[in-house]
């Protein structure tokens, strides 16, 4: 098995969580970030494209390319 390389996908920033946000909500956000990172790693390992939403558009990203070059 090959060692996963870090993906060049930027982390989305939607600003700080609103005051009074529950611990469950914050935990869910962290879980979603971990799942997205794992999906990028698997895509790199298998040479599979990623399908993501960017600016309201669905786009296909090659795992070997930075999202900023798309």
PDB file of N, CA and C in Angstrom:
ATOM      1  N   UNK A   1       0.845  -1.183   0.000  1.00  0.00           N
ATOM      2  CA  UNK A   1       0.000   0.000   0.000  1.00  0.00           C
ATOM      3  C   UNK A   1       0.882   1.235   0.000  1.00  0.00           C
ATOM      4  N   UNK A   2       0.518   2.204  -0.793  1.00  0.00           N
ATOM      5  CA  UNK A   2       1.302   3.429  -0.860  1.00  0.00           C
ATOM      6  C   UNK A   2       0.926   4.372   0.266  1.00  0.00           C
ATOM      7  N   UNK A   3       1.871   5.211   0.635  1.00  0.00           N
ATOM      8  CA  UNK A   3       1.628   6.195   1.685  1.00  0.00           C
ATOM      9  C   UNK A   3       0.855   7.370   1.096  1.00  0.00           C
ATOM     10  N   UNK A   4      -0.255   7.777   1.735  1.00  0.00           N
ATOM     11  CA  UNK A   4      -1.025   8.894   1.197  1.00  0.00           C
ATOM     12  C   UNK A   4      -0.232  10.196   1.242  1.00  0.00           C
ATOM     13  N   UNK A   5      -0.382  10.971   0.210  1.00  0.00           N
ATOM     14  CA  UNK A   5       0.236  12.286   0.149  1.00  0.00           C
ATOM     15  C   UNK A   5      -0.817  13.332   0.489  1.00  0.00           C
ATOM     16  N   UNK A   6      -0.411  14.434   1.102  1.00  0.00           N
ATOM     17  CA  UNK A   6      -1.409  15.454   1.410  1.00  0.00           C
ATOM     18  C   UNK A   6      -2.009  16.026   0.127  1.00  0.00           C
ATOM     19  N   UNK A   7      -3.292  16.258   0.157  1.00  0.00           N
ATOM     20  CA  UNK A   7      -3.983  16.837  -0.996  1.00  0.00           C
ATOM     21  C   UNK A   7      -3.788  18.344  -1.001  1.00  0.00           C
ATOM     22  N   UNK A   8      -3.845  18.930  -2.176  1.00  0.00           N
ATOM     23  CA  UNK A   8      -3.666  20.372  -2.305  1.00  0.00           C
ATOM     24  C   UNK A   8      -4.982  21.118  -2.290  1.00  0.00           C
ATOM     25  N   UNK A   9      -6.013  20.474  -1.797  1.00  0.00           N
ATOM     26  CA  UNK A   9      -7.348  21.063  -1.751  1.00  0.00           C
ATOM     27  C   UNK A   9      -7.416  22.040  -0.580  1.00  0.00           C
ATOM     28  N   UNK A  10      -7.798  23.293  -0.822  1.00  0.00           N
ATOM     29  CA  UNK A  10      -7.908  24.242   0.290  1.00  0.00           C
ATOM     30  C   UNK A  10      -9.066  23.889   1.210  1.00  0.00           C
ATOM     31  N   UNK A  11      -8.910  24.212   2.467  1.00  0.00           N
ATOM     32  CA  UNK A  11      -9.972  23.988   3.437  1.00  0.00           C
ATOM     33  C   UNK A  11     -10.965  25.144   3.331  1.00  0.00           C
ATOM     34  N   UNK A  12     -12.223  24.801   3.161  1.00  0.00           N
ATOM     35  CA  UNK A  12     -13.259  25.825   3.048  1.00  0.00           C
ATOM     36  C   UNK A  12     -13.392  26.550   4.375  1.00  0.00           C
ATOM     37  N   UNK A  13     -13.532  27.849   4.295  1.00  0.00           N
ATOM     38  CA  UNK A  13     -13.715  28.633   5.501  1.00  0.00           C
ATOM     39  C   UNK A  13     -15.033  29.381   5.379  1.00  0.00           C
ATOM     40  N   UNK A  14     -15.948  29.039   6.248  1.00  0.00           N
ATOM     41  CA  UNK A  14     -17.249  29.690   6.223  1.00  0.00           C
ATOM     42  C   UNK A  14     -17.403  30.627   7.405  1.00  0.00           C
ATOM     43  N   UNK A  15     -16.287  31.029   7.967  1.00  0.00           N
ATOM     44  CA  UNK A  15     -16.318  31.929   9.107  1.00  0.00           C
ATOM     45  C   UNK A  15     -16.494  31.174  10.408  1.00  0.00           C
ATOM     46  N   UNK A  16     -16.459  31.908  11.488  1.00  0.00           N
ATOM     47  CA  UNK A  16     -16.595  31.260  12.800  1.00  0.00           C
ATOM     48  C   UNK A  16     -18.002  30.731  13.005  1.00  0.00           C
ATOM     49  N   UNK A  17     -18.100  29.708  13.843  1.00  0.00           N
ATOM     50  CA  UNK A  17     -19.410  29.163  14.180  1.00  0.00           C
ATOM     51  C   UNK A  17     -20.172  30.191  15.006  1.00  0.00           C
ATOM     52  N   UNK A  18     -21.477  30.256  14.849  1.00  0.00           N
ATOM     53  CA  UNK A  18     -22.265  31.210  15.624  1.00  0.00           C
ATOM     54  C   UNK A  18     -22.166  30.926  17.118  1.00  0.00           C
ATOM     55  N   UNK A  19     -22.316  31.959  17.904  1.00  0.00           N
ATOM     56  CA  UNK A  19     -22.290  31.804  19.357  1.00  0.00           C
ATOM     57  C   UNK A  19     -23.402  30.847  19.765  1.00  0.00           C
ATOM     58  N   UNK A  20     -23.122  30.005  20.729  1.00  0.00           N
ATOM     59  CA  UNK A  20     -24.118  29.057  21.204  1.00  0.00           C
ATOM     60  C   UNK A  20     -24.210  27.807  20.367  1.00  0.00           C
ATOM     61  N   UNK A  21     -23.262  27.604  19.437  1.00  0.00           N
ATOM     62  CA  UNK A  21     -23.272  26.400  18.613  1.00  0.00           C
ATOM     63  C   UNK A  21     -23.012  25.198  19.511  1.00  0.00           C
ATOM     64  N   UNK A  22     -23.792  24.165  19.326  1.00  0.00           N
ATOM     65  CA  UNK A  22     -23.681  22.985  20.187  1.00  0.00           C
ATOM     66  C   UNK A  22     -22.403  22.204  19.899  1.00  0.00           C
ATOM     67  N   UNK A  23     -21.990  21.442  20.889  1.00  0.00           N
ATOM     68  CA  UNK A  23     -20.817  20.587  20.727  1.00  0.00           C
ATOM     69  C   UNK A  23     -21.060  19.544  19.648  1.00  0.00           C
ATOM     70  N   UNK A  24     -22.304  19.076  19.513  1.00  0.00           N
ATOM     71  CA  UNK A  24     -22.638  18.105  18.469  1.00  0.00           C
ATOM     72  C   UNK A  24     -22.394  18.698  17.086  1.00  0.00           C
ATOM     73  N   UNK A  25     -22.794  19.947  16.897  1.00  0.00           N
ATOM     74  CA  UNK A  25     -22.614  20.609  15.608  1.00  0.00           C
ATOM     75  C   UNK A  25     -21.130  20.778  15.302  1.00  0.00           C
ATOM     76  N   UNK A  26     -20.364  21.203  16.287  1.00  0.00           N
ATOM     77  CA  UNK A  26     -18.930  21.386  16.085  1.00  0.00           C
ATOM     78  C   UNK A  26     -18.256  20.043  15.788  1.00  0.00           C
ATOM     79  N   UNK A  27     -18.691  18.988  16.477  1.00  0.00           N
ATOM     80  CA  UNK A  27     -18.148  17.660  16.211  1.00  0.00           C
ATOM     81  C   UNK A  27     -18.490  17.178  14.814  1.00  0.00           C
ATOM     82  N   UNK A  28     -19.697  17.494  14.360  1.00  0.00           N
ATOM     83  CA  UNK A  28     -20.106  17.102  13.009  1.00  0.00           C
ATOM     84  C   UNK A  28     -19.259  17.816  11.961  1.00  0.00           C
ATOM     85  N   UNK A  29     -18.971  19.093  12.177  1.00  0.00           N
ATOM     86  CA  UNK A  29     -18.124  19.832  11.237  1.00  0.00           C
ATOM     87  C   UNK A  29     -16.742  19.194  11.148  1.00  0.00           C
ATOM     88  N   UNK A  30     -16.177  18.834  12.279  1.00  0.00           N
ATOM     89  CA  UNK A  30     -14.856  18.202  12.297  1.00  0.00           C
ATOM     90  C   UNK A  30     -14.904  16.857  11.570  1.00  0.00           C
ATOM     91  N   UNK A  31     -15.968  16.089  11.766  1.00  0.00           N
ATOM     92  CA  UNK A  31     -16.108  14.793  11.103  1.00  0.00           C
ATOM     93  C   UNK A  31     -16.211  14.952   9.589  1.00  0.00           C
ATOM     94  N   UNK A  32     -16.926  15.959   9.143  1.00  0.00           N
ATOM     95  CA  UNK A  32     -17.054  16.212   7.703  1.00  0.00           C
ATOM     96  C   UNK A  32     -15.699  16.579   7.108  1.00  0.00           C
ATOM     97  N   UNK A  33     -14.921  17.398   7.819  1.00  0.00           N
ATOM     98  CA  UNK A  33     -13.579  17.758   7.333  1.00  0.00           C
ATOM     99  C   UNK A  33     -12.683  16.525   7.233  1.00  0.00           C
ATOM    100  N   UNK A  34     -12.754  15.644   8.238  1.00  0.00           N
ATOM    101  CA  UNK A  34     -11.952  14.420   8.196  1.00  0.00           C
ATOM    102  C   UNK A  34     -12.375  13.527   7.036  1.00  0.00           C
ATOM    103  N   UNK A  35     -13.667  13.418   6.803  1.00  0.00           N
ATOM    104  CA  UNK A  35     -14.167  12.589   5.700  1.00  0.00           C
ATOM    105  C   UNK A  35     -13.722  13.148   4.353  1.00  0.00           C
ATOM    106  N   UNK A  36     -13.739  14.457   4.205  1.00  0.00           N
ATOM    107  CA  UNK A  36     -13.313  15.078   2.952  1.00  0.00           C
ATOM    108  C   UNK A  36     -11.825  14.837   2.719  1.00  0.00           C
ATOM    109  N   UNK A  37     -11.017  14.957   3.773  1.00  0.00           N
ATOM    110  CA  UNK A  37      -9.585  14.710   3.637  1.00  0.00           C
ATOM    111  C   UNK A  37      -9.329  13.257   3.244  1.00  0.00           C
ATOM    112  N   UNK A  38     -10.056  12.345   3.845  1.00  0.00           N
ATOM    113  CA  UNK A  38      -9.896  10.924   3.519  1.00  0.00           C
ATOM    114  C   UNK A  38     -10.308  10.658   2.074  1.00  0.00           C
ATOM    115  N   UNK A  39     -11.375  11.298   1.617  1.00  0.00           N
ATOM    116  CA  UNK A  39     -11.813  11.130   0.224  1.00  0.00           C
ATOM    117  C   UNK A  39     -10.731  11.624  -0.730  1.00  0.00           C
ATOM    118  N   UNK A  40     -10.076  12.729  -0.407  1.00  0.00           N
ATOM    119  CA  UNK A  40      -8.988  13.237  -1.251  1.00  0.00           C
ATOM    120  C   UNK A  40      -7.815  12.258  -1.269  1.00  0.00           C
ATOM    121  N   UNK A  41      -7.488  11.672  -0.121  1.00  0.00           N
ATOM    122  CA  UNK A  41      -6.397  10.706  -0.060  1.00  0.00           C
ATOM    123  C   UNK A  41      -6.705   9.468  -0.898  1.00  0.00           C
ATOM    124  N   UNK A  42      -7.921   8.957  -0.785  1.00  0.00           N
ATOM    125  CA  UNK A  42      -8.309   7.773  -1.558  1.00  0.00           C
ATOM    126  C   UNK A  42      -8.291   8.092  -3.050  1.00  0.00           C
ATOM    127  N   UNK A  43      -8.744   9.271  -3.426  1.00  0.00           N
ATOM    128  CA  UNK A  43      -8.733   9.669  -4.835  1.00  0.00           C
ATOM    129  C   UNK A  43      -7.309   9.715  -5.369  1.00  0.00           C
ATOM    130  N   UNK A  44      -6.373  10.225  -4.564  1.00  0.00           N
ATOM    131  CA  UNK A  44      -4.975  10.256  -4.996  1.00  0.00           C
ATOM    132  C   UNK A  44      -4.429   8.844  -5.146  1.00  0.00           C
ATOM    133  N   UNK A  45      -4.729   7.969  -4.207  1.00  0.00           N
ATOM    134  CA  UNK A  45      -4.213   6.605  -4.242  1.00  0.00           C
ATOM    135  C   UNK A  45      -4.761   5.815  -5.423  1.00  0.00           C
ATOM    136  N   UNK A  46      -5.985   6.065  -5.788  1.00  0.00           N
ATOM    137  CA  UNK A  46      -6.630   5.278  -6.843  1.00  0.00           C
ATOM    138  C   UNK A  46      -6.671   5.978  -8.195  1.00  0.00           C
ATOM    139  N   UNK A  47      -6.251   7.239  -8.244  1.00  0.00           N
ATOM    140  CA  UNK A  47      -6.297   7.990  -9.498  1.00  0.00           C
ATOM    141  C   UNK A  47      -7.706   8.336  -9.924  1.00  0.00           C
ATOM    142  N   UNK A  48      -8.598   8.453  -8.963  1.00  0.00           N
ATOM    143  CA  UNK A  48     -10.002   8.744  -9.224  1.00  0.00           C
ATOM    144  C   UNK A  48     -10.242  10.242  -9.091  1.00  0.00           C
ATOM    145  N   UNK A  49     -11.052  10.797  -9.982  1.00  0.00           N
ATOM    146  CA  UNK A  49     -11.395  12.216  -9.881  1.00  0.00           C
ATOM    147  C   UNK A  49     -12.314  12.462  -8.697  1.00  0.00           C
ATOM    148  N   UNK A  50     -12.253  13.671  -8.172  1.00  0.00           N
ATOM    149  CA  UNK A  50     -13.155  14.118  -7.116  1.00  0.00           C
ATOM    150  C   UNK A  50     -14.255  14.956  -7.747  1.00  0.00           C
ATOM    151  N   UNK A  51     -15.456  14.792  -7.265  1.00  0.00           N
ATOM    152  CA  UNK A  51     -16.578  15.617  -7.699  1.00  0.00           C
ATOM    153  C   UNK A  51     -16.918  16.526  -6.526  1.00  0.00           C
ATOM    154  N   UNK A  52     -16.798  17.834  -6.725  1.00  0.00           N
ATOM    155  CA  UNK A  52     -17.022  18.797  -5.646  1.00  0.00           C
ATOM    156  C   UNK A  52     -17.876  19.952  -6.149  1.00  0.00           C
ATOM    157  N   UNK A  53     -18.440  20.692  -5.222  1.00  0.00           N
ATOM    158  CA  UNK A  53     -19.202  21.893  -5.568  1.00  0.00           C
ATOM    159  C   UNK A  53     -18.320  23.102  -5.334  1.00  0.00           C
ATOM    160  N   UNK A  54     -18.237  23.964  -6.324  1.00  0.00           N
ATOM    161  CA  UNK A  54     -17.458  25.194  -6.243  1.00  0.00           C
ATOM    162  C   UNK A  54     -18.293  26.334  -6.784  1.00  0.00           C
ATOM    163  N   UNK A  55     -18.587  27.306  -5.949  1.00  0.00           N
ATOM    164  CA  UNK A  55     -19.335  28.467  -6.410  1.00  0.00           C
ATOM    165  C   UNK A  55     -20.668  28.108  -7.024  1.00  0.00           C
ATOM    166  N   UNK A  56     -21.339  27.098  -6.488  1.00  0.00           N
ATOM    167  CA  UNK A  56     -22.633  26.693  -7.005  1.00  0.00           C
ATOM    168  C   UNK A  56     -22.566  25.787  -8.220  1.00  0.00           C
ATOM    169  N   UNK A  57     -21.368  25.448  -8.669  1.00  0.00           N
ATOM    170  CA  UNK A  57     -21.189  24.574  -9.825  1.00  0.00           C
ATOM    171  C   UNK A  57     -20.580  23.253  -9.365  1.00  0.00           C
ATOM    172  N   UNK A  58     -20.988  22.161  -9.990  1.00  0.00           N
ATOM    173  CA  UNK A  58     -20.393  20.863  -9.720  1.00  0.00           C
ATOM    174  C   UNK A  58     -19.224  20.698 -10.684  1.00  0.00           C
ATOM    175  N   UNK A  59     -18.035  20.437 -10.122  1.00  0.00           N
ATOM    176  CA  UNK A  59     -16.839  20.317 -10.953  1.00  0.00           C
ATOM    177  C   UNK A  59     -16.110  19.014 -10.637  1.00  0.00           C
ATOM    178  N   UNK A  60     -15.358  18.529 -11.609  1.00  0.00           N
ATOM    179  CA  UNK A  60     -14.550  17.324 -11.473  1.00  0.00           C
ATOM    180  C   UNK A  60     -13.093  17.772 -11.318  1.00  0.00           C
ATOM    181  N   UNK A  61     -12.441  17.298 -10.256  1.00  0.00           N
ATOM    182  CA  UNK A  61     -11.051  17.659  -9.996  1.00  0.00           C
ATOM    183  C   UNK A  61     -10.171  16.425 -10.077  1.00  0.00           C
ATOM    184  N   UNK A  62      -9.055  16.562 -10.744  1.00  0.00           N
ATOM    185  CA  UNK A  62      -8.063  15.497 -10.769  1.00  0.00           C
ATOM    186  C   UNK A  62      -7.324  15.529  -9.441  1.00  0.00           C
ATOM    187  N   UNK A  63      -7.128  14.394  -8.776  1.00  0.00           N
ATOM    188  CA  UNK A  63      -6.499  14.400  -7.461  1.00  0.00           C
ATOM    189  C   UNK A  63      -5.055  14.877  -7.455  1.00  0.00           C
ATOM    190  N   UNK A  64      -4.390  14.846  -8.585  1.00  0.00           N
ATOM    191  CA  UNK A  64      -2.998  15.274  -8.652  1.00  0.00           C
ATOM    192  C   UNK A  64      -2.818  16.760  -8.847  1.00  0.00           C
ATOM    193  N   UNK A  65      -3.911  17.478  -9.071  1.00  0.00           N
ATOM    194  CA  UNK A  65      -3.837  18.916  -9.330  1.00  0.00           C
ATOM    195  C   UNK A  65      -4.361  19.702  -8.161  1.00  0.00           C
ATOM    196  N   UNK A  66      -3.812  20.863  -7.961  1.00  0.00           N
ATOM    197  CA  UNK A  66      -4.310  21.769  -6.934  1.00  0.00           C
ATOM    198  C   UNK A  66      -5.637  22.350  -7.374  1.00  0.00           C
ATOM    199  N   UNK A  67      -6.535  22.522  -6.439  1.00  0.00           N
ATOM    200  CA  UNK A  67      -7.844  23.091  -6.766  1.00  0.00           C
ATOM    201  C   UNK A  67      -7.709  24.526  -7.253  1.00  0.00           C
ATOM    202  N   UNK A  68      -6.641  25.208  -6.869  1.00  0.00           N
ATOM    203  CA  UNK A  68      -6.477  26.594  -7.281  1.00  0.00           C
ATOM    204  C   UNK A  68      -6.123  26.699  -8.756  1.00  0.00           C
ATOM    205  N   UNK A  69      -5.687  25.581  -9.393  1.00  0.00           N
ATOM    206  CA  UNK A  69      -5.350  25.612 -10.817  1.00  0.00           C
ATOM    207  C   UNK A  69      -6.522  25.199 -11.682  1.00  0.00           C
ATOM    208  N   UNK A  70      -7.628  24.830 -11.070  1.00  0.00           N
ATOM    209  CA  UNK A  70      -8.808  24.378 -11.815  1.00  0.00           C
ATOM    210  C   UNK A  70      -9.628  25.557 -12.269  1.00  0.00           C
TER     211      UNK A  70
END
